[in-house]
PDB file of N, CA and C in Angstrom:
ATOM      1  N   UNK A   1     115.094 123.517 106.402  1.00  0.00           N
ATOM      2  CA  UNK A   1     114.126 123.299 107.585  1.00  0.00           C
ATOM      3  C   UNK A   1     114.631 122.419 108.713  1.00  0.00           C
ATOM      4  N   UNK A   2     115.270 121.268 108.289  1.00  0.00           N
ATOM      5  CA  UNK A   2     115.698 120.340 109.231  1.00  0.00           C
ATOM      6  C   UNK A   2     116.682 120.901 110.157  1.00  0.00           C
ATOM      7  N   UNK A   3     117.662 121.737 109.590  1.00  0.00           N
ATOM      8  CA  UNK A   3     118.803 122.224 110.353  1.00  0.00           C
ATOM      9  C   UNK A   3     118.287 123.318 111.251  1.00  0.00           C
ATOM     10  N   UNK A   4     117.245 124.047 110.749  1.00  0.00           N
ATOM     11  CA  UNK A   4     116.708 125.146 111.766  1.00  0.00           C
ATOM     12  C   UNK A   4     116.079 124.410 112.830  1.00  0.00           C
ATOM     13  N   UNK A   5     115.251 123.375 112.694  1.00  0.00           N
ATOM     14  CA  UNK A   5     114.611 122.704 113.962  1.00  0.00           C
ATOM     15  C   UNK A   5     115.563 122.125 114.798  1.00  0.00           C
ATOM     16  N   UNK A   6     116.612 121.472 114.255  1.00  0.00           N
ATOM     17  CA  UNK A   6     117.713 120.928 115.095  1.00  0.00           C
ATOM     18  C   UNK A   6     118.387 121.912 115.769  1.00  0.00           C
ATOM     19  N   UNK A   7     118.674 123.233 115.304  1.00  0.00           N
ATOM     20  CA  UNK A   7     119.237 124.335 116.018  1.00  0.00           C
ATOM     21  C   UNK A   7     118.550 124.586 117.141  1.00  0.00           C
ATOM     22  N   UNK A   8     117.153 124.653 117.063  1.00  0.00           N
ATOM     23  CA  UNK A   8     116.290 125.027 118.157  1.00  0.00           C
ATOM     24  C   UNK A   8     116.359 124.059 119.235  1.00  0.00           C
ATOM     25  N   UNK A   9     116.390 122.607 118.879  1.00  0.00           N
ATOM     26  CA  UNK A   9     116.296 121.629 119.962  1.00  0.00           C
ATOM     27  C   UNK A   9     117.006 120.526 119.341  1.00  0.00           C
ATOM     28  N   UNK A  10     118.384 120.221 119.664  1.00  0.00           N
ATOM     29  CA  UNK A  10     119.179 119.261 119.134  1.00  0.00           C
ATOM     30  C   UNK A  10     118.915 117.733 119.735  1.00  0.00           C
ATOM     31  N   UNK A  11     117.965 117.771 120.519  1.00  0.00           N
ATOM     32  CA  UNK A  11     117.638 116.347 121.158  1.00  0.00           C
ATOM     33  C   UNK A  11     116.373 115.798 120.540  1.00  0.00           C
ATOM     34  N   UNK A  12     115.840 116.333 119.432  1.00  0.00           N
ATOM     35  CA  UNK A  12     114.573 115.804 118.924  1.00  0.00           C
ATOM     36  C   UNK A  12     114.681 114.408 118.272  1.00  0.00           C
ATOM     37  N   UNK A  13     113.739 113.600 118.410  1.00  0.00           N
ATOM     38  CA  UNK A  13     113.871 112.295 117.800  1.00  0.00           C
ATOM     39  C   UNK A  13     113.485 112.419 116.322  1.00  0.00           C
ATOM     40  N   UNK A  14     113.628 111.448 115.609  1.00  0.00           N
ATOM     41  CA  UNK A  14     113.367 111.379 114.284  1.00  0.00           C
ATOM     42  C   UNK A  14     111.719 111.475 114.094  1.00  0.00           C
ATOM     43  N   UNK A  15     111.125 110.710 114.834  1.00  0.00           N
ATOM     44  CA  UNK A  15     109.674 110.904 114.816  1.00  0.00           C
ATOM     45  C   UNK A  15     109.252 112.277 115.229  1.00  0.00           C
ATOM     46  N   UNK A  16     109.569 112.952 116.115  1.00  0.00           N
ATOM     47  CA  UNK A  16     109.253 114.238 116.464  1.00  0.00           C
ATOM     48  C   UNK A  16     109.654 115.339 115.405  1.00  0.00           C
ATOM     49  N   UNK A  17     110.813 115.000 114.897  1.00  0.00           N
ATOM     50  CA  UNK A  17     111.325 115.954 113.854  1.00  0.00           C
ATOM     51  C   UNK A  17     110.351 115.866 112.581  1.00  0.00           C
ATOM     52  N   UNK A  18     109.984 114.626 112.154  1.00  0.00           N
ATOM     53  CA  UNK A  18     109.226 114.357 111.003  1.00  0.00           C
ATOM     54  C   UNK A  18     107.734 115.053 111.235  1.00  0.00           C
ATOM     55  N   UNK A  19     107.249 114.861 112.427  1.00  0.00           N
ATOM     56  CA  UNK A  19     105.987 115.616 112.732  1.00  0.00           C
ATOM     57  C   UNK A  19     106.110 116.997 112.622  1.00  0.00           C
ATOM     58  N   UNK A  20     107.151 117.572 113.113  1.00  0.00           N
ATOM     59  CA  UNK A  20     107.206 119.028 113.127  1.00  0.00           C
ATOM     60  C   UNK A  20     107.363 119.551 111.566  1.00  0.00           C
ATOM     61  N   UNK A  21     108.109 118.840 110.853  1.00  0.00           N
ATOM     62  CA  UNK A  21     108.430 119.361 109.414  1.00  0.00           C
ATOM     63  C   UNK A  21     107.352 118.997 108.529  1.00  0.00           C
ATOM     64  N   UNK A  22     106.499 117.841 108.934  1.00  0.00           N
ATOM     65  CA  UNK A  22     105.453 117.434 108.181  1.00  0.00           C
ATOM     66  C   UNK A  22     105.770 116.675 106.920  1.00  0.00           C
ATOM     67  N   UNK A  23     106.733 115.642 107.172  1.00  0.00           N
ATOM     68  CA  UNK A  23     107.096 114.752 106.241  1.00  0.00           C
ATOM     69  C   UNK A  23     106.990 113.387 106.820  1.00  0.00           C
ATOM     70  N   UNK A  24     107.098 112.187 106.099  1.00  0.00           N
ATOM     71  CA  UNK A  24     106.981 110.890 106.626  1.00  0.00           C
ATOM     72  C   UNK A  24     108.405 110.609 107.175  1.00  0.00           C
ATOM     73  N   UNK A  25     108.405 109.624 108.186  1.00  0.00           N
ATOM     74  CA  UNK A  25     109.640 109.171 108.749  1.00  0.00           C
ATOM     75  C   UNK A  25     110.670 108.722 107.758  1.00  0.00           C
ATOM     76  N   UNK A  26     110.212 108.017 106.830  1.00  0.00           N
ATOM     77  CA  UNK A  26     111.135 107.543 105.685  1.00  0.00           C
ATOM     78  C   UNK A  26     111.705 108.747 105.017  1.00  0.00           C
ATOM     79  N   UNK A  27     110.969 109.841 104.665  1.00  0.00           N
ATOM     80  CA  UNK A  27     111.532 111.013 103.925  1.00  0.00           C
ATOM     81  C   UNK A  27     112.477 111.668 104.695  1.00  0.00           C
ATOM     82  N   UNK A  28     112.265 111.871 106.068  1.00  0.00           N
ATOM     83  CA  UNK A  28     113.113 112.459 106.950  1.00  0.00           C
ATOM     84  C   UNK A  28     114.443 111.777 107.035  1.00  0.00           C
ATOM     85  N   UNK A  29     114.418 110.429 107.058  1.00  0.00           N
ATOM     86  CA  UNK A  29     115.694 109.540 107.309  1.00  0.00           C
ATOM     87  C   UNK A  29     116.415 109.879 106.061  1.00  0.00           C
ATOM     88  N   UNK A  30     115.788 109.906 104.917  1.00  0.00           N
ATOM     89  CA  UNK A  30     116.556 109.946 103.425  1.00  0.00           C
ATOM     90  C   UNK A  30     117.236 111.349 103.523  1.00  0.00           C
ATOM     91  N   UNK A  31     116.555 112.360 104.058  1.00  0.00           N
ATOM     92  CA  UNK A  31     117.036 113.736 103.969  1.00  0.00           C
ATOM     93  C   UNK A  31     118.255 113.942 105.020  1.00  0.00           C
ATOM     94  N   UNK A  32     118.014 113.132 106.263  1.00  0.00           N
ATOM     95  CA  UNK A  32     119.089 113.233 107.250  1.00  0.00           C
ATOM     96  C   UNK A  32     120.417 112.439 106.724  1.00  0.00           C
ATOM     97  N   UNK A  33     120.257 111.483 105.943  1.00  0.00           N
ATOM     98  CA  UNK A  33     121.291 110.822 105.322  1.00  0.00           C
ATOM     99  C   UNK A  33     122.054 111.682 104.498  1.00  0.00           C
ATOM    100  N   UNK A  34     121.458 112.468 103.594  1.00  0.00           N
ATOM    101  CA  UNK A  34     122.032 113.402 102.684  1.00  0.00           C
ATOM    102  C   UNK A  34     122.883 114.338 103.475  1.00  0.00           C
ATOM    103  N   UNK A  35     122.225 114.996 104.547  1.00  0.00           N
ATOM    104  CA  UNK A  35     122.869 115.904 105.403  1.00  0.00           C
ATOM    105  C   UNK A  35     124.179 115.364 105.942  1.00  0.00           C
ATOM    106  N   UNK A  36     124.207 114.096 106.434  1.00  0.00           N
ATOM    107  CA  UNK A  36     125.283 113.493 106.921  1.00  0.00           C
ATOM    108  C   UNK A  36     126.357 113.214 105.960  1.00  0.00           C
ATOM    109  N   UNK A  37     126.066 112.885 104.758  1.00  0.00           N
ATOM    110  CA  UNK A  37     126.942 112.608 103.645  1.00  0.00           C
ATOM    111  C   UNK A  37     127.807 113.850 103.301  1.00  0.00           C
ATOM    112  N   UNK A  38     126.901 114.969 103.381  1.00  0.00           N
ATOM    113  CA  UNK A  38     127.518 116.346 103.109  1.00  0.00           C
ATOM    114  C   UNK A  38     128.319 116.989 104.289  1.00  0.00           C
ATOM    115  N   UNK A  39     128.379 116.130 105.397  1.00  0.00           N
ATOM    116  CA  UNK A  39     129.105 116.525 106.535  1.00  0.00           C
ATOM    117  C   UNK A  39     128.595 117.720 107.293  1.00  0.00           C
ATOM    118  N   UNK A  40     127.204 117.924 107.206  1.00  0.00           N
ATOM    119  CA  UNK A  40     126.647 119.133 107.692  1.00  0.00           C
ATOM    120  C   UNK A  40     125.847 118.810 109.130  1.00  0.00           C
ATOM    121  N   UNK A  41     125.700 117.477 109.195  1.00  0.00           N
ATOM    122  CA  UNK A  41     125.003 116.950 110.479  1.00  0.00           C
ATOM    123  C   UNK A  41     125.626 115.725 110.971  1.00  0.00           C
ATOM    124  N   UNK A  42     125.545 115.605 112.347  1.00  0.00           N
ATOM    125  CA  UNK A  42     126.150 114.314 112.934  1.00  0.00           C
ATOM    126  C   UNK A  42     125.196 113.968 114.100  1.00  0.00           C
ATOM    127  N   UNK A  43     124.994 112.623 114.247  1.00  0.00           N
ATOM    128  CA  UNK A  43     124.224 112.183 115.425  1.00  0.00           C
ATOM    129  C   UNK A  43     125.206 111.630 116.499  1.00  0.00           C
ATOM    130  N   UNK A  44     125.369 112.267 117.672  1.00  0.00           N
ATOM    131  CA  UNK A  44     126.212 112.003 118.648  1.00  0.00           C
ATOM    132  C   UNK A  44     125.463 111.199 119.751  1.00  0.00           C
ATOM    133  N   UNK A  45     125.938 110.013 120.012  1.00  0.00           N
ATOM    134  CA  UNK A  45     125.306 108.979 121.003  1.00  0.00           C
ATOM    135  C   UNK A  45     124.234 108.181 120.494  1.00  0.00           C
ATOM    136  N   UNK A  46     123.541 107.417 121.304  1.00  0.00           N
ATOM    137  CA  UNK A  46     122.555 106.534 120.694  1.00  0.00           C
ATOM    138  C   UNK A  46     121.334 107.167 120.342  1.00  0.00           C
ATOM    139  N   UNK A  47     120.399 106.348 119.461  1.00  0.00           N
ATOM    140  CA  UNK A  47     119.274 106.862 118.854  1.00  0.00           C
ATOM    141  C   UNK A  47     118.326 107.415 120.120  1.00  0.00           C
ATOM    142  N   UNK A  48     118.289 106.856 121.166  1.00  0.00           N
ATOM    143  CA  UNK A  48     117.468 107.208 122.130  1.00  0.00           C
ATOM    144  C   UNK A  48     117.864 108.313 123.044  1.00  0.00           C
ATOM    145  N   UNK A  49     119.069 108.405 123.527  1.00  0.00           N
ATOM    146  CA  UNK A  49     119.713 109.416 124.432  1.00  0.00           C
ATOM    147  C   UNK A  49     120.594 110.357 123.754  1.00  0.00           C
ATOM    148  N   UNK A  50     120.788 110.129 122.567  1.00  0.00           N
ATOM    149  CA  UNK A  50     121.826 111.164 121.813  1.00  0.00           C
ATOM    150  C   UNK A  50     121.276 112.468 121.441  1.00  0.00           C
ATOM    151  N   UNK A  51     122.053 113.136 120.661  1.00  0.00           N
ATOM    152  CA  UNK A  51     121.646 114.471 120.118  1.00  0.00           C
ATOM    153  C   UNK A  51     122.344 114.766 118.767  1.00  0.00           C
ATOM    154  N   UNK A  52     121.840 115.733 118.066  1.00  0.00           N
ATOM    155  CA  UNK A  52     122.303 116.049 116.826  1.00  0.00           C
ATOM    156  C   UNK A  52     123.292 117.143 117.001  1.00  0.00           C
ATOM    157  N   UNK A  53     124.282 117.153 116.150  1.00  0.00           N
ATOM    158  CA  UNK A  53     125.260 118.217 116.136  1.00  0.00           C
ATOM    159  C   UNK A  53     125.348 118.833 114.782  1.00  0.00           C
ATOM    160  N   UNK A  54     125.211 120.182 114.634  1.00  0.00           N
ATOM    161  CA  UNK A  54     125.281 120.654 113.251  1.00  0.00           C
ATOM    162  C   UNK A  54     126.770 121.154 113.106  1.00  0.00           C
ATOM    163  N   UNK A  55     127.237 120.729 112.015  1.00  0.00           N
ATOM    164  CA  UNK A  55     128.731 120.864 111.753  1.00  0.00           C
ATOM    165  C   UNK A  55     128.936 122.255 111.019  1.00  0.00           C
TER     166      UNK A  55
END
């Protein structure tokens, strides 16, 4: 679900993404960390002005 939402809009903030998916911010961060470890997702740029890149 995370990758599908990022595919639609790669500029989503963590807060916005958590609201869309319906999980807490902390849960989303944990899941994003797992995707980064699996090298399926990468954050490019700063937290504020950056974007997500699906690998």
